[in-house]
Amino acid sequence: MVESGSKLFNNLAELLSNTAGAASGVKKEIDVIVKSQVERLLNDFEVVQRDEFDAMKEMLIRERDKNDELEKKINNLEKLIKKQNKTIK
């Protein structure tokens, strides 16, 4: 009887192990399906990828800095022109 009980537990353990393995496989398949569906939806909504967003953000920061620099140069040139106009009059 002890051996049959042990065999029963071994069979039960094997069954549970196989079930866990199958469940893990199903989970992986579900993860892949959900991920592909989410990606499809995001593409349909034309959502920007993070790396594209970060690249655009960096480019805009550089352009803003250039604009600030050009604005300062224009202000300095305007002051210089005003100064020269005063000395000519």
C-alpha atoms as a PDB file:
ATOM      1  CA  MET A   1       0.000   0.000   0.000  1.00  0.00           C
ATOM      2  CA  VAL A   2       2.863   2.372   0.724  1.00  0.00           C
ATOM      3  CA  GLU A   3       4.284   1.746  -2.701  1.00  0.00           C
ATOM      4  CA  SER A   4       0.947   2.314  -4.418  1.00  0.00           C
ATOM      5  CA  GLY A   5       0.515   5.547  -2.443  1.00  0.00           C
ATOM      6  CA  SER A   6       4.015   6.597  -3.431  1.00  0.00           C
ATOM      7  CA  LYS A   7       3.279   5.727  -7.052  1.00  0.00           C
ATOM      8  CA  LEU A   8       0.070   7.748  -6.835  1.00  0.00           C
ATOM      9  CA  PHE A   9       1.965  10.755  -5.514  1.00  0.00           C
ATOM     10  CA  ASN A  10       4.610  10.341  -8.226  1.00  0.00           C
ATOM     11  CA  ASN A  11       1.900  10.221 -10.886  1.00  0.00           C
ATOM     12  CA  LEU A  12       0.178  13.215  -9.344  1.00  0.00           C
ATOM     13  CA  ALA A  13       3.457  15.140  -9.195  1.00  0.00           C
ATOM     14  CA  GLU A  14       4.171  14.284 -12.830  1.00  0.00           C
ATOM     15  CA  LEU A  15       0.675  15.374 -13.838  1.00  0.00           C
ATOM     16  CA  LEU A  16       1.051  18.677 -11.981  1.00  0.00           C
ATOM     17  CA  SER A  17       4.465  19.212 -13.529  1.00  0.00           C
ATOM     18  CA  ASN A  18       3.095  18.609 -17.025  1.00  0.00           C
ATOM     19  CA  THR A  19       0.156  20.909 -16.322  1.00  0.00           C
ATOM     20  CA  ALA A  20       2.488  23.640 -15.077  1.00  0.00           C
ATOM     21  CA  GLY A  21       4.613  23.262 -18.202  1.00  0.00           C
ATOM     22  CA  ALA A  22       1.561  23.485 -20.436  1.00  0.00           C
ATOM     23  CA  ALA A  23       0.279  26.506 -18.514  1.00  0.00           C
ATOM     24  CA  SER A  24       3.660  28.193 -18.936  1.00  0.00           C
ATOM     25  CA  GLY A  25       3.541  27.555 -22.675  1.00  0.00           C
ATOM     26  CA  VAL A  26       0.019  28.932 -22.909  1.00  0.00           C
ATOM     27  CA  LYS A  27       1.065  32.021 -20.925  1.00  0.00           C
ATOM     28  CA  LYS A  28       3.939  32.653 -23.335  1.00  0.00           C
ATOM     29  CA  GLU A  29       1.613  32.320 -26.311  1.00  0.00           C
ATOM     30  CA  ILE A  30      -0.890  34.704 -24.742  1.00  0.00           C
ATOM     31  CA  ASP A  31       1.889  37.204 -24.003  1.00  0.00           C
ATOM     32  CA  VAL A  32       3.002  37.119 -27.645  1.00  0.00           C
ATOM     33  CA  ILE A  33      -0.570  37.541 -28.920  1.00  0.00           C
ATOM     34  CA  VAL A  34      -1.331  40.422 -26.539  1.00  0.00           C
ATOM     35  CA  LYS A  35       1.946  42.156 -27.373  1.00  0.00           C
ATOM     36  CA  SER A  36       1.344  41.900 -31.115  1.00  0.00           C
ATOM     37  CA  GLN A  37      -2.220  43.208 -30.721  1.00  0.00           C
ATOM     38  CA  VAL A  38      -1.060  46.163 -28.601  1.00  0.00           C
ATOM     39  CA  GLU A  39       1.652  46.976 -31.138  1.00  0.00           C
ATOM     40  CA  ARG A  40      -0.922  46.802 -33.945  1.00  0.00           C
ATOM     41  CA  LEU A  41      -3.246  49.165 -32.064  1.00  0.00           C
ATOM     42  CA  LEU A  42      -0.439  51.608 -31.342  1.00  0.00           C
ATOM     43  CA  ASN A  43       0.568  51.575 -35.004  1.00  0.00           C
ATOM     44  CA  ASP A  44      -3.059  52.174 -36.008  1.00  0.00           C
ATOM     45  CA  PHE A  45      -3.158  55.195 -33.697  1.00  0.00           C
ATOM     46  CA  GLU A  46       0.219  56.323 -35.093  1.00  0.00           C
ATOM     47  CA  VAL A  47       1.766  56.520 -31.630  1.00  0.00           C
ATOM     48  CA  VAL A  48       5.417  57.534 -31.753  1.00  0.00           C
ATOM     49  CA  GLN A  49       8.018  55.057 -30.514  1.00  0.00           C
ATOM     50  CA  ARG A  50       9.986  56.167 -27.456  1.00  0.00           C
ATOM     51  CA  ASP A  51      13.351  56.260 -29.245  1.00  0.00           C
ATOM     52  CA  GLU A  52      11.863  58.417 -32.026  1.00  0.00           C
ATOM     53  CA  PHE A  53      10.360  60.755 -29.424  1.00  0.00           C
ATOM     54  CA  ASP A  54      13.677  61.073 -27.569  1.00  0.00           C
ATOM     55  CA  ALA A  55      15.552  61.784 -30.818  1.00  0.00           C
ATOM     56  CA  MET A  56      13.058  64.483 -31.786  1.00  0.00           C
ATOM     57  CA  LYS A  57      13.201  65.976 -28.287  1.00  0.00           C
ATOM     58  CA  GLU A  58      17.008  66.251 -28.441  1.00  0.00           C
ATOM     59  CA  MET A  59      16.834  67.826 -31.889  1.00  0.00           C
ATOM     60  CA  LEU A  60      14.285  70.399 -30.697  1.00  0.00           C
ATOM     61  CA  ILE A  61      16.399  71.262 -27.657  1.00  0.00           C
ATOM     62  CA  ARG A  62      19.417  71.902 -29.922  1.00  0.00           C
ATOM     63  CA  GLU A  63      17.307  74.038 -32.263  1.00  0.00           C
ATOM     64  CA  ARG A  64      15.898  76.053 -29.363  1.00  0.00           C
ATOM     65  CA  ASP A  65      19.435  76.701 -28.114  1.00  0.00           C
ATOM     66  CA  LYS A  66      20.465  77.874 -31.596  1.00  0.00           C
ATOM     67  CA  ASN A  67      17.434  80.176 -31.749  1.00  0.00           C
ATOM     68  CA  ASP A  68      18.312  81.647 -28.360  1.00  0.00           C
ATOM     69  CA  GLU A  69      21.860  82.271 -29.546  1.00  0.00           C
ATOM     70  CA  LEU A  70      20.664  83.902 -32.764  1.00  0.00           C
ATOM     71  CA  GLU A  71      18.221  86.075 -30.833  1.00  0.00           C
ATOM     72  CA  LYS A  72      21.069  87.349 -28.664  1.00  0.00           C
ATOM     73  CA  LYS A  73      23.159  88.126 -31.743  1.00  0.00           C
ATOM     74  CA  ILE A  74      20.261  90.001 -33.340  1.00  0.00           C
ATOM     75  CA  ASN A  75      19.705  92.022 -30.152  1.00  0.00           C
ATOM     76  CA  ASN A  76      23.417  92.896 -30.018  1.00  0.00           C
ATOM     77  CA  LEU A  77      23.407  93.930 -33.670  1.00  0.00           C
ATOM     78  CA  GLU A  78      20.301  96.091 -33.139  1.00  0.00           C
ATOM     79  CA  LYS A  79      21.991  97.801 -30.194  1.00  0.00           C
ATOM     80  CA  LEU A  80      25.103  98.364 -32.285  1.00  0.00           C
ATOM     81  CA  ILE A  81      23.060  99.861 -35.134  1.00  0.00           C
ATOM     82  CA  LYS A  82      21.208 102.180 -32.737  1.00  0.00           C
ATOM     83  CA  LYS A  83      24.512 103.231 -31.206  1.00  0.00           C
ATOM     84  CA  GLN A  84      26.010 103.979 -34.631  1.00  0.00           C
ATOM     85  CA  ASN A  85      22.896 105.915 -35.691  1.00  0.00           C
ATOM     86  CA  LYS A  86      23.211 108.104 -32.578  1.00  0.00           C
ATOM     87  CA  THR A  87      26.838 108.896 -33.302  1.00  0.00           C
ATOM     88  CA  ILE A  88      26.101 109.764 -36.954  1.00  0.00           C
ATOM     89  CA  LYS A  89      23.350 112.279 -36.048  1.00  0.00           C
END
